[in-house]
Amino acid sequence: MTAGVFVDTNVIAYARDSHYPEKKLAAEKWLDVLWREQRARTSVQVLNDYYTTVTQKLKPGLSREAAWEDVQLLMSWNPQPIDLKVLTRAYELEKQYRLSWWDCLVVGAAQVQGCVLLLTEDLQDGADYGGVSVRNPFTLGVADERSAYAALPKLASRHRGRGRPRRNPPRAATV
């Protein structure tokens, strides 16, 4: 699959967290594959959250310099800024799905970048938000990625077909 995969903060942070070796290993595998295949996508919001997480919440945390080096590397993913397009999508998502505003910004950024997969443990595994499938990267293995796409429902077109309009069939007379 060559589609972009949106990576949330927790995936990147667990790759640096030795307190959870299984999650660290899974996160490292995901990041390795996505780096090699150049399919990783993220947002400026995620990079902000990552920097704060690894410098202030992680025990022991990273130095500001080490965290900033990570952020600079992740900038090569061309992170989606929070712009009017993302804000508008986030607002629409909030109305439709009743997610937290921060989650709406993440899903909105994934949608704006055309991602079909969002790796995060913060949203319901298997949920679909307007064509973006959420998967928990700590339960979905890298080798199982293709199955994540197969599970996506085919969306019905909201546009009328071309050609002659359909005529309503005559109704049977009722007695």
N, C-alpha and C. Protein backbone atom coordinates (compact mmCIF):
# COMPACT_ATOMS: atom_id res chain seq x y z
N MET A 1 0.84 -1.17 0.00
CA MET A 1 0.00 0.00 0.00
C MET A 1 0.89 1.24 0.00
N THR A 2 0.54 2.23 -0.78
CA THR A 2 1.37 3.43 -0.87
C THR A 2 0.69 4.65 -0.26
N ALA A 3 -0.42 4.49 0.37
CA ALA A 3 -1.14 5.62 0.96
C ALA A 3 -0.37 6.18 2.15
N GLY A 4 -0.58 7.48 2.37
CA GLY A 4 0.02 8.12 3.53
C GLY A 4 -0.60 7.60 4.81
N VAL A 5 0.21 7.50 5.83
CA VAL A 5 -0.23 7.02 7.14
C VAL A 5 0.05 8.14 8.14
N PHE A 6 -0.99 8.64 8.78
CA PHE A 6 -0.84 9.71 9.76
C PHE A 6 -0.40 9.11 11.09
N VAL A 7 0.67 9.66 11.66
CA VAL A 7 1.24 9.15 12.90
C VAL A 7 0.97 10.16 14.01
N ASP A 8 0.29 9.71 15.06
CA ASP A 8 -0.03 10.57 16.19
C ASP A 8 1.13 10.57 17.19
N THR A 9 1.05 11.49 18.12
CA THR A 9 2.10 11.72 19.11
C THR A 9 2.53 10.46 19.84
N ASN A 10 1.54 9.66 20.29
CA ASN A 10 1.89 8.53 21.15
C ASN A 10 2.79 7.52 20.44
N VAL A 11 2.66 7.38 19.15
CA VAL A 11 3.51 6.43 18.42
C VAL A 11 4.96 6.91 18.45
N ILE A 12 5.16 8.18 18.17
CA ILE A 12 6.51 8.74 18.14
C ILE A 12 7.12 8.74 19.55
N ALA A 13 6.31 9.09 20.54
CA ALA A 13 6.80 9.17 21.92
C ALA A 13 7.16 7.79 22.46
N TYR A 14 6.33 6.76 22.18
CA TYR A 14 6.65 5.43 22.67
C TYR A 14 7.95 4.89 22.07
N ALA A 15 8.31 5.35 20.89
CA ALA A 15 9.58 4.93 20.30
C ALA A 15 10.77 5.41 21.12
N ARG A 16 10.54 6.38 22.01
CA ARG A 16 11.59 6.92 22.88
C ARG A 16 11.42 6.53 24.34
N ASP A 17 10.38 5.74 24.66
CA ASP A 17 10.04 5.43 26.04
C ASP A 17 10.41 3.99 26.39
N SER A 18 11.43 3.82 27.22
CA SER A 18 11.90 2.48 27.57
C SER A 18 11.06 1.83 28.67
N HIS A 19 10.11 2.55 29.25
CA HIS A 19 9.25 1.98 30.30
C HIS A 19 8.25 0.95 29.75
N TYR A 20 7.97 1.01 28.48
CA TYR A 20 7.01 0.09 27.84
C TYR A 20 7.70 -0.58 26.66
N PRO A 21 8.52 -1.61 26.92
CA PRO A 21 9.34 -2.20 25.85
C PRO A 21 8.53 -2.75 24.67
N GLU A 22 7.34 -3.32 24.92
CA GLU A 22 6.55 -3.85 23.81
C GLU A 22 6.04 -2.73 22.91
N LYS A 23 5.58 -1.66 23.54
CA LYS A 23 5.10 -0.52 22.75
C LYS A 23 6.26 0.17 22.05
N LYS A 24 7.40 0.24 22.72
CA LYS A 24 8.59 0.85 22.10
C LYS A 24 8.97 0.08 20.84
N LEU A 25 8.99 -1.24 20.93
CA LEU A 25 9.35 -2.07 19.78
C LEU A 25 8.34 -1.90 18.64
N ALA A 26 7.05 -1.93 18.97
CA ALA A 26 6.01 -1.77 17.94
C ALA A 26 6.12 -0.40 17.27
N ALA A 27 6.31 0.64 18.08
CA ALA A 27 6.42 2.00 17.53
C ALA A 27 7.65 2.11 16.63
N GLU A 28 8.76 1.53 17.05
CA GLU A 28 9.97 1.56 16.24
C GLU A 28 9.77 0.84 14.91
N LYS A 29 9.07 -0.29 14.92
CA LYS A 29 8.80 -1.02 13.67
C LYS A 29 7.96 -0.18 12.72
N TRP A 30 6.89 0.43 13.25
CA TRP A 30 6.04 1.27 12.41
C TRP A 30 6.84 2.42 11.82
N LEU A 31 7.59 3.11 12.66
CA LEU A 31 8.34 4.27 12.18
C LEU A 31 9.39 3.87 11.17
N ASP A 32 10.05 2.74 11.38
CA ASP A 32 11.05 2.26 10.44
C ASP A 32 10.45 2.03 9.06
N VAL A 33 9.33 1.33 9.00
CA VAL A 33 8.68 1.05 7.72
C VAL A 33 8.20 2.34 7.06
N LEU A 34 7.57 3.20 7.83
CA LEU A 34 7.03 4.43 7.25
C LEU A 34 8.14 5.38 6.79
N TRP A 35 9.27 5.41 7.49
CA TRP A 35 10.41 6.22 7.04
C TRP A 35 10.95 5.67 5.73
N ARG A 36 11.17 4.34 5.68
CA ARG A 36 11.74 3.73 4.47
C ARG A 36 10.85 3.95 3.25
N GLU A 37 9.55 3.80 3.46
CA GLU A 37 8.60 3.91 2.35
C GLU A 37 8.14 5.35 2.11
N GLN A 38 8.59 6.27 2.94
CA GLN A 38 8.25 7.70 2.84
C GLN A 38 6.74 7.93 2.81
N ARG A 39 6.03 7.22 3.70
CA ARG A 39 4.57 7.34 3.76
C ARG A 39 4.07 8.01 5.03
N ALA A 40 5.00 8.36 5.93
CA ALA A 40 4.59 8.93 7.21
C ALA A 40 4.11 10.36 7.01
N ARG A 41 3.01 10.68 7.68
CA ARG A 41 2.46 12.03 7.70
C ARG A 41 2.17 12.39 9.15
N THR A 42 2.22 13.65 9.46
CA THR A 42 1.87 14.13 10.79
C THR A 42 1.49 15.58 10.69
N SER A 43 1.38 16.25 11.83
CA SER A 43 1.01 17.66 11.83
C SER A 43 1.90 18.44 12.79
N VAL A 44 1.87 19.74 12.65
CA VAL A 44 2.62 20.60 13.55
C VAL A 44 2.11 20.42 14.98
N GLN A 45 0.80 20.23 15.13
CA GLN A 45 0.22 19.99 16.46
C GLN A 45 0.86 18.75 17.11
N VAL A 46 1.03 17.67 16.35
CA VAL A 46 1.63 16.45 16.87
C VAL A 46 3.07 16.71 17.29
N LEU A 47 3.81 17.46 16.49
CA LEU A 47 5.19 17.76 16.84
C LEU A 47 5.27 18.59 18.12
N ASN A 48 4.35 19.54 18.27
CA ASN A 48 4.28 20.31 19.53
C ASN A 48 4.03 19.39 20.71
N ASP A 49 3.07 18.52 20.55
CA ASP A 49 2.70 17.60 21.63
C ASP A 49 3.85 16.65 21.94
N TYR A 50 4.52 16.16 20.91
CA TYR A 50 5.66 15.26 21.10
C TYR A 50 6.75 15.95 21.93
N TYR A 51 7.12 17.16 21.54
CA TYR A 51 8.18 17.88 22.25
C TYR A 51 7.83 18.03 23.73
N THR A 52 6.60 18.43 24.02
CA THR A 52 6.16 18.59 25.40
C THR A 52 6.17 17.25 26.15
N THR A 53 5.68 16.22 25.49
CA THR A 53 5.60 14.89 26.12
C THR A 53 6.97 14.37 26.51
N VAL A 54 7.91 14.40 25.57
CA VAL A 54 9.21 13.78 25.85
C VAL A 54 10.11 14.64 26.73
N THR A 55 9.85 15.95 26.81
CA THR A 55 10.68 16.79 27.67
C THR A 55 10.09 16.99 29.05
N GLN A 56 8.76 16.85 29.19
CA GLN A 56 8.13 17.15 30.47
C GLN A 56 7.42 15.98 31.12
N LYS A 57 6.85 15.07 30.32
CA LYS A 57 6.05 13.99 30.88
C LYS A 57 6.80 12.67 30.99
N LEU A 58 7.70 12.42 30.07
CA LEU A 58 8.47 11.18 30.06
C LEU A 58 9.48 11.19 31.21
N LYS A 59 9.55 10.09 31.94
CA LYS A 59 10.49 9.98 33.06
C LYS A 59 11.41 8.79 32.84
N PRO A 60 12.67 8.93 32.65
CA PRO A 60 13.35 10.21 32.50
C PRO A 60 13.07 10.78 31.11
N GLY A 61 12.94 12.08 31.05
CA GLY A 61 12.64 12.74 29.79
C GLY A 61 13.88 12.97 28.94
N LEU A 62 13.64 13.41 27.74
CA LEU A 62 14.74 13.77 26.86
C LEU A 62 15.16 15.21 27.17
N SER A 63 16.39 15.52 26.86
CA SER A 63 16.81 16.91 26.96
C SER A 63 16.08 17.71 25.88
N ARG A 64 15.99 19.00 26.08
CA ARG A 64 15.34 19.84 25.07
C ARG A 64 16.07 19.73 23.74
N GLU A 65 17.39 19.61 23.81
CA GLU A 65 18.18 19.53 22.58
C GLU A 65 17.88 18.23 21.82
N ALA A 66 17.83 17.12 22.54
CA ALA A 66 17.54 15.82 21.90
C ALA A 66 16.12 15.81 21.33
N ALA A 67 15.17 16.36 22.08
CA ALA A 67 13.79 16.41 21.59
C ALA A 67 13.70 17.30 20.35
N TRP A 68 14.42 18.41 20.36
CA TRP A 68 14.38 19.30 19.20
C TRP A 68 15.02 18.64 17.98
N GLU A 69 16.07 17.84 18.18
CA GLU A 69 16.66 17.10 17.06
C GLU A 69 15.63 16.15 16.45
N ASP A 70 14.85 15.47 17.31
CA ASP A 70 13.78 14.59 16.82
C ASP A 70 12.77 15.39 16.00
N VAL A 71 12.36 16.53 16.54
CA VAL A 71 11.37 17.37 15.84
C VAL A 71 11.92 17.80 14.48
N GLN A 72 13.18 18.18 14.44
CA GLN A 72 13.77 18.59 13.16
C GLN A 72 13.78 17.44 12.16
N LEU A 73 14.07 16.22 12.62
CA LEU A 73 14.00 15.06 11.73
C LEU A 73 12.58 14.84 11.22
N LEU A 74 11.61 14.97 12.13
CA LEU A 74 10.21 14.75 11.77
C LEU A 74 9.67 15.84 10.84
N MET A 75 10.32 16.97 10.80
CA MET A 75 9.90 18.04 9.88
C MET A 75 10.06 17.61 8.43
N SER A 76 10.89 16.59 8.18
CA SER A 76 11.05 16.10 6.81
C SER A 76 9.77 15.42 6.31
N TRP A 77 8.85 15.11 7.24
CA TRP A 77 7.56 14.55 6.85
C TRP A 77 6.62 15.63 6.33
N ASN A 78 7.08 16.87 6.31
CA ASN A 78 6.27 17.99 5.86
C ASN A 78 4.96 18.06 6.66
N PRO A 79 5.06 18.29 7.97
CA PRO A 79 3.87 18.25 8.82
C PRO A 79 2.82 19.28 8.42
N GLN A 80 1.57 18.85 8.53
CA GLN A 80 0.44 19.70 8.19
C GLN A 80 0.29 20.81 9.24
N PRO A 81 0.31 22.07 8.82
CA PRO A 81 0.06 23.14 9.80
C PRO A 81 -1.43 23.20 10.14
N ILE A 82 -1.72 23.83 11.26
CA ILE A 82 -3.12 24.08 11.59
C ILE A 82 -3.50 25.34 10.84
N ASP A 83 -4.16 25.14 9.71
CA ASP A 83 -4.58 26.26 8.87
C ASP A 83 -6.10 26.29 8.80
N LEU A 84 -6.65 27.16 7.97
CA LEU A 84 -8.11 27.28 7.88
C LEU A 84 -8.77 25.99 7.40
N LYS A 85 -8.11 25.28 6.52
CA LYS A 85 -8.66 24.02 6.01
C LYS A 85 -8.79 23.00 7.14
N VAL A 86 -7.73 22.86 7.94
CA VAL A 86 -7.75 21.91 9.06
C VAL A 86 -8.77 22.36 10.11
N LEU A 87 -8.80 23.65 10.41
CA LEU A 87 -9.76 24.15 11.40
C LEU A 87 -11.20 23.87 10.96
N THR A 88 -11.48 24.11 9.69
CA THR A 88 -12.83 23.85 9.17
C THR A 88 -13.18 22.37 9.25
N ARG A 89 -12.24 21.51 8.84
CA ARG A 89 -12.47 20.06 8.93
C ARG A 89 -12.68 19.64 10.39
N ALA A 90 -11.87 20.18 11.30
CA ALA A 90 -11.99 19.84 12.71
C ALA A 90 -13.36 20.23 13.24
N TYR A 91 -13.85 21.38 12.87
CA TYR A 91 -15.16 21.82 13.32
C TYR A 91 -16.25 20.89 12.81
N GLU A 92 -16.15 20.51 11.54
CA GLU A 92 -17.13 19.58 10.96
C GLU A 92 -17.08 18.22 11.66
N LEU A 93 -15.87 17.75 11.95
CA LEU A 93 -15.71 16.47 12.65
C LEU A 93 -16.28 16.54 14.07
N GLU A 94 -16.05 17.65 14.74
CA GLU A 94 -16.56 17.80 16.10
C GLU A 94 -18.09 17.74 16.12
N LYS A 95 -18.71 18.41 15.15
CA LYS A 95 -20.17 18.37 15.08
C LYS A 95 -20.68 16.98 14.76
N GLN A 96 -20.03 16.30 13.85
CA GLN A 96 -20.51 14.99 13.39
C GLN A 96 -20.21 13.87 14.37
N TYR A 97 -19.01 13.85 14.94
CA TYR A 97 -18.59 12.70 15.72
C TYR A 97 -18.47 12.97 17.22
N ARG A 98 -18.55 14.21 17.64
CA ARG A 98 -18.46 14.58 19.06
C ARG A 98 -17.13 14.14 19.69
N LEU A 99 -16.05 14.30 18.95
CA LEU A 99 -14.71 14.01 19.46
C LEU A 99 -14.18 15.25 20.18
N SER A 100 -13.12 15.07 20.96
CA SER A 100 -12.48 16.24 21.57
C SER A 100 -11.91 17.12 20.46
N TRP A 101 -11.77 18.40 20.75
CA TRP A 101 -11.25 19.33 19.75
C TRP A 101 -9.86 18.92 19.28
N TRP A 102 -8.99 18.48 20.20
CA TRP A 102 -7.63 18.11 19.83
C TRP A 102 -7.63 16.89 18.91
N ASP A 103 -8.51 15.92 19.18
CA ASP A 103 -8.63 14.75 18.30
C ASP A 103 -9.18 15.16 16.94
N CYS A 104 -10.09 16.11 16.91
CA CYS A 104 -10.64 16.60 15.64
C CYS A 104 -9.55 17.25 14.79
N LEU A 105 -8.63 17.97 15.44
CA LEU A 105 -7.53 18.58 14.70
C LEU A 105 -6.61 17.51 14.11
N VAL A 106 -6.39 16.43 14.83
CA VAL A 106 -5.55 15.33 14.33
C VAL A 106 -6.24 14.66 13.14
N VAL A 107 -7.51 14.29 13.30
CA VAL A 107 -8.23 13.62 12.22
C VAL A 107 -8.36 14.56 11.01
N GLY A 108 -8.65 15.84 11.28
CA GLY A 108 -8.74 16.82 10.20
C GLY A 108 -7.44 16.94 9.42
N ALA A 109 -6.32 16.97 10.13
CA ALA A 109 -5.01 17.05 9.46
C ALA A 109 -4.76 15.79 8.63
N ALA A 110 -5.16 14.64 9.15
CA ALA A 110 -5.02 13.39 8.39
C ALA A 110 -5.87 13.44 7.12
N GLN A 111 -7.10 13.93 7.23
CA GLN A 111 -7.96 14.03 6.06
C GLN A 111 -7.41 14.99 5.02
N VAL A 112 -6.95 16.16 5.47
CA VAL A 112 -6.41 17.15 4.55
C VAL A 112 -5.21 16.60 3.79
N GLN A 113 -4.42 15.74 4.42
CA GLN A 113 -3.26 15.15 3.77
C GLN A 113 -3.60 13.90 2.95
N GLY A 114 -4.86 13.50 2.94
CA GLY A 114 -5.28 12.35 2.14
C GLY A 114 -4.89 11.01 2.74
N CYS A 115 -4.68 10.97 4.04
CA CYS A 115 -4.31 9.70 4.70
C CYS A 115 -5.55 8.82 4.84
N VAL A 116 -5.36 7.53 4.68
CA VAL A 116 -6.46 6.59 4.90
C VAL A 116 -6.30 5.84 6.20
N LEU A 117 -5.14 5.97 6.82
CA LEU A 117 -4.87 5.29 8.08
C LEU A 117 -4.30 6.29 9.07
N LEU A 118 -4.82 6.24 10.30
CA LEU A 118 -4.34 7.08 11.40
C LEU A 118 -3.91 6.15 12.52
N LEU A 119 -2.62 6.19 12.84
CA LEU A 119 -2.08 5.35 13.91
C LEU A 119 -2.11 6.13 15.22
N THR A 120 -2.94 5.66 16.14
CA THR A 120 -3.04 6.28 17.46
C THR A 120 -3.69 5.31 18.42
N GLU A 121 -3.37 5.46 19.69
CA GLU A 121 -4.08 4.68 20.70
C GLU A 121 -5.11 5.55 21.41
N ASP A 122 -5.25 6.80 20.97
CA ASP A 122 -6.14 7.75 21.63
C ASP A 122 -7.58 7.73 21.14
N LEU A 123 -7.82 7.09 20.03
CA LEU A 123 -9.18 7.00 19.48
C LEU A 123 -9.58 5.53 19.38
N GLN A 124 -10.86 5.29 19.16
CA GLN A 124 -11.36 3.92 19.11
C GLN A 124 -10.76 3.16 17.93
N ASP A 125 -10.13 2.04 18.24
CA ASP A 125 -9.51 1.20 17.22
C ASP A 125 -10.58 0.71 16.26
N GLY A 126 -10.33 0.91 14.97
CA GLY A 126 -11.26 0.46 13.94
C GLY A 126 -12.29 1.50 13.54
N ALA A 127 -12.35 2.63 14.23
CA ALA A 127 -13.32 3.67 13.86
C ALA A 127 -12.94 4.28 12.52
N ASP A 128 -13.94 4.74 11.81
CA ASP A 128 -13.73 5.40 10.53
C ASP A 128 -14.31 6.80 10.62
N TYR A 129 -13.48 7.78 10.35
CA TYR A 129 -13.91 9.18 10.38
C TYR A 129 -13.73 9.77 8.99
N GLY A 130 -14.77 9.70 8.21
CA GLY A 130 -14.75 10.30 6.88
C GLY A 130 -13.66 9.77 5.98
N GLY A 131 -13.43 8.47 6.00
CA GLY A 131 -12.44 7.86 5.13
C GLY A 131 -11.08 7.67 5.78
N VAL A 132 -10.91 8.12 7.01
CA VAL A 132 -9.67 7.88 7.75
C VAL A 132 -9.95 6.78 8.76
N SER A 133 -9.27 5.65 8.60
CA SER A 133 -9.44 4.52 9.50
C SER A 133 -8.45 4.64 10.64
N VAL A 134 -8.97 4.57 11.86
CA VAL A 134 -8.12 4.65 13.06
C VAL A 134 -7.71 3.25 13.45
N ARG A 135 -6.41 3.07 13.66
CA ARG A 135 -5.91 1.78 14.13
C ARG A 135 -4.91 2.01 15.25
N ASN A 136 -4.98 1.12 16.23
CA ASN A 136 -4.04 1.16 17.34
C ASN A 136 -2.76 0.47 16.88
N PRO A 137 -1.65 1.20 16.81
CA PRO A 137 -0.41 0.60 16.29
C PRO A 137 0.20 -0.44 17.22
N PHE A 138 -0.37 -0.58 18.42
CA PHE A 138 0.16 -1.54 19.38
C PHE A 138 -0.66 -2.83 19.37
N THR A 139 -1.74 -2.85 18.59
CA THR A 139 -2.49 -4.08 18.37
C THR A 139 -2.46 -4.49 16.89
N LEU A 140 -2.26 -3.52 16.01
CA LEU A 140 -2.14 -3.79 14.58
C LEU A 140 -0.66 -3.85 14.23
N GLY A 141 -0.21 -5.01 13.82
CA GLY A 141 1.19 -5.16 13.44
C GLY A 141 1.46 -4.55 12.09
N VAL A 142 2.70 -4.21 11.85
CA VAL A 142 3.08 -3.63 10.56
C VAL A 142 2.70 -4.57 9.42
N ALA A 143 2.90 -5.87 9.62
CA ALA A 143 2.59 -6.85 8.59
C ALA A 143 1.09 -6.95 8.33
N ASP A 144 0.27 -6.51 9.28
CA ASP A 144 -1.18 -6.58 9.13
C ASP A 144 -1.79 -5.31 8.57
N GLU A 145 -0.96 -4.38 8.12
CA GLU A 145 -1.46 -3.09 7.67
C GLU A 145 -2.49 -3.21 6.55
N ARG A 146 -2.24 -4.08 5.60
CA ARG A 146 -3.18 -4.22 4.47
C ARG A 146 -4.59 -4.58 4.93
N SER A 147 -4.70 -5.36 6.00
CA SER A 147 -6.03 -5.72 6.50
C SER A 147 -6.76 -4.50 7.05
N ALA A 148 -6.02 -3.49 7.48
CA ALA A 148 -6.65 -2.27 7.98
C ALA A 148 -7.39 -1.55 6.86
N TYR A 149 -6.86 -1.64 5.62
CA TYR A 149 -7.51 -1.01 4.49
C TYR A 149 -8.68 -1.85 3.99
N ALA A 150 -8.53 -3.15 4.06
CA ALA A 150 -9.59 -4.04 3.57
C ALA A 150 -10.86 -3.87 4.38
N ALA A 151 -10.73 -3.49 5.64
CA ALA A 151 -11.89 -3.35 6.50
C ALA A 151 -12.67 -2.07 6.26
N LEU A 152 -12.10 -1.15 5.47
CA LEU A 152 -12.79 0.11 5.23
C LEU A 152 -14.04 -0.11 4.40
N PRO A 153 -15.17 0.46 4.82
CA PRO A 153 -16.38 0.31 4.02
C PRO A 153 -16.29 1.16 2.77
N LYS A 154 -16.90 0.69 1.71
CA LYS A 154 -16.94 1.46 0.48
C LYS A 154 -18.01 2.52 0.65
N LEU A 155 -17.62 3.76 0.46
CA LEU A 155 -18.54 4.86 0.65
C LEU A 155 -19.44 5.01 -0.57
N ALA A 156 -20.73 5.19 -0.32
CA ALA A 156 -21.67 5.40 -1.40
C ALA A 156 -21.52 6.83 -1.91
N SER A 157 -21.67 7.00 -3.20
CA SER A 157 -21.57 8.33 -3.79
C SER A 157 -22.76 9.17 -3.36
N ARG A 158 -22.49 10.44 -3.11
CA ARG A 158 -23.58 11.35 -2.77
C ARG A 158 -24.05 12.09 -4.02
N HIS A 159 -23.48 11.77 -5.17
CA HIS A 159 -23.83 12.44 -6.41
C HIS A 159 -24.76 11.57 -7.24
N ARG A 160 -25.63 12.23 -7.92
CA ARG A 160 -26.54 11.52 -8.82
C ARG A 160 -25.80 10.98 -10.02
N GLY A 161 -26.23 9.84 -10.49
CA GLY A 161 -25.61 9.25 -11.67
C GLY A 161 -25.88 10.10 -12.90
N ARG A 162 -25.09 9.90 -13.93
CA ARG A 162 -25.28 10.65 -15.17
C ARG A 162 -26.26 9.92 -16.06
N GLY A 163 -26.71 10.61 -17.06
CA GLY A 163 -27.63 10.00 -18.01
C GLY A 163 -29.05 10.43 -17.73
N ARG A 164 -29.98 9.67 -18.26
CA ARG A 164 -31.40 10.02 -18.13
C ARG A 164 -31.86 9.85 -16.69
N PRO A 165 -32.71 10.75 -16.24
CA PRO A 165 -33.25 10.58 -14.89
C PRO A 165 -34.11 9.34 -14.83
N ARG A 166 -34.10 8.69 -13.69
CA ARG A 166 -34.94 7.51 -13.51
C ARG A 166 -36.38 7.93 -13.34
N ARG A 167 -37.24 7.17 -13.96
CA ARG A 167 -38.67 7.40 -13.75
C ARG A 167 -39.13 6.50 -12.63
N ASN A 168 -40.02 7.03 -11.84
CA ASN A 168 -40.59 6.20 -10.79
C ASN A 168 -41.51 5.19 -11.42
N PRO A 169 -41.41 3.92 -11.05
CA PRO A 169 -42.31 2.92 -11.62
C PRO A 169 -43.75 3.22 -11.17
N PRO A 170 -44.71 2.91 -12.03
CA PRO A 170 -46.09 3.17 -11.65
C PRO A 170 -46.46 2.32 -10.42
N ARG A 171 -47.23 2.91 -9.56
CA ARG A 171 -47.66 2.20 -8.36
C ARG A 171 -48.86 1.32 -8.68
N ALA A 172 -48.88 0.21 -7.98
CA ALA A 172 -50.02 -0.70 -8.15
C ALA A 172 -51.24 -0.06 -7.50
N ALA A 173 -52.35 -0.23 -8.13
CA ALA A 173 -53.60 0.32 -7.59
C ALA A 173 -53.99 -0.43 -6.33
N THR A 174 -54.43 0.28 -5.34
CA THR A 174 -54.89 -0.34 -4.11
C THR A 174 -56.39 -0.37 -4.08
N VAL A 175 -56.94 -1.42 -3.59
CA VAL A 175 -58.41 -1.58 -3.55
C VAL A 175 -58.93 -1.23 -2.20
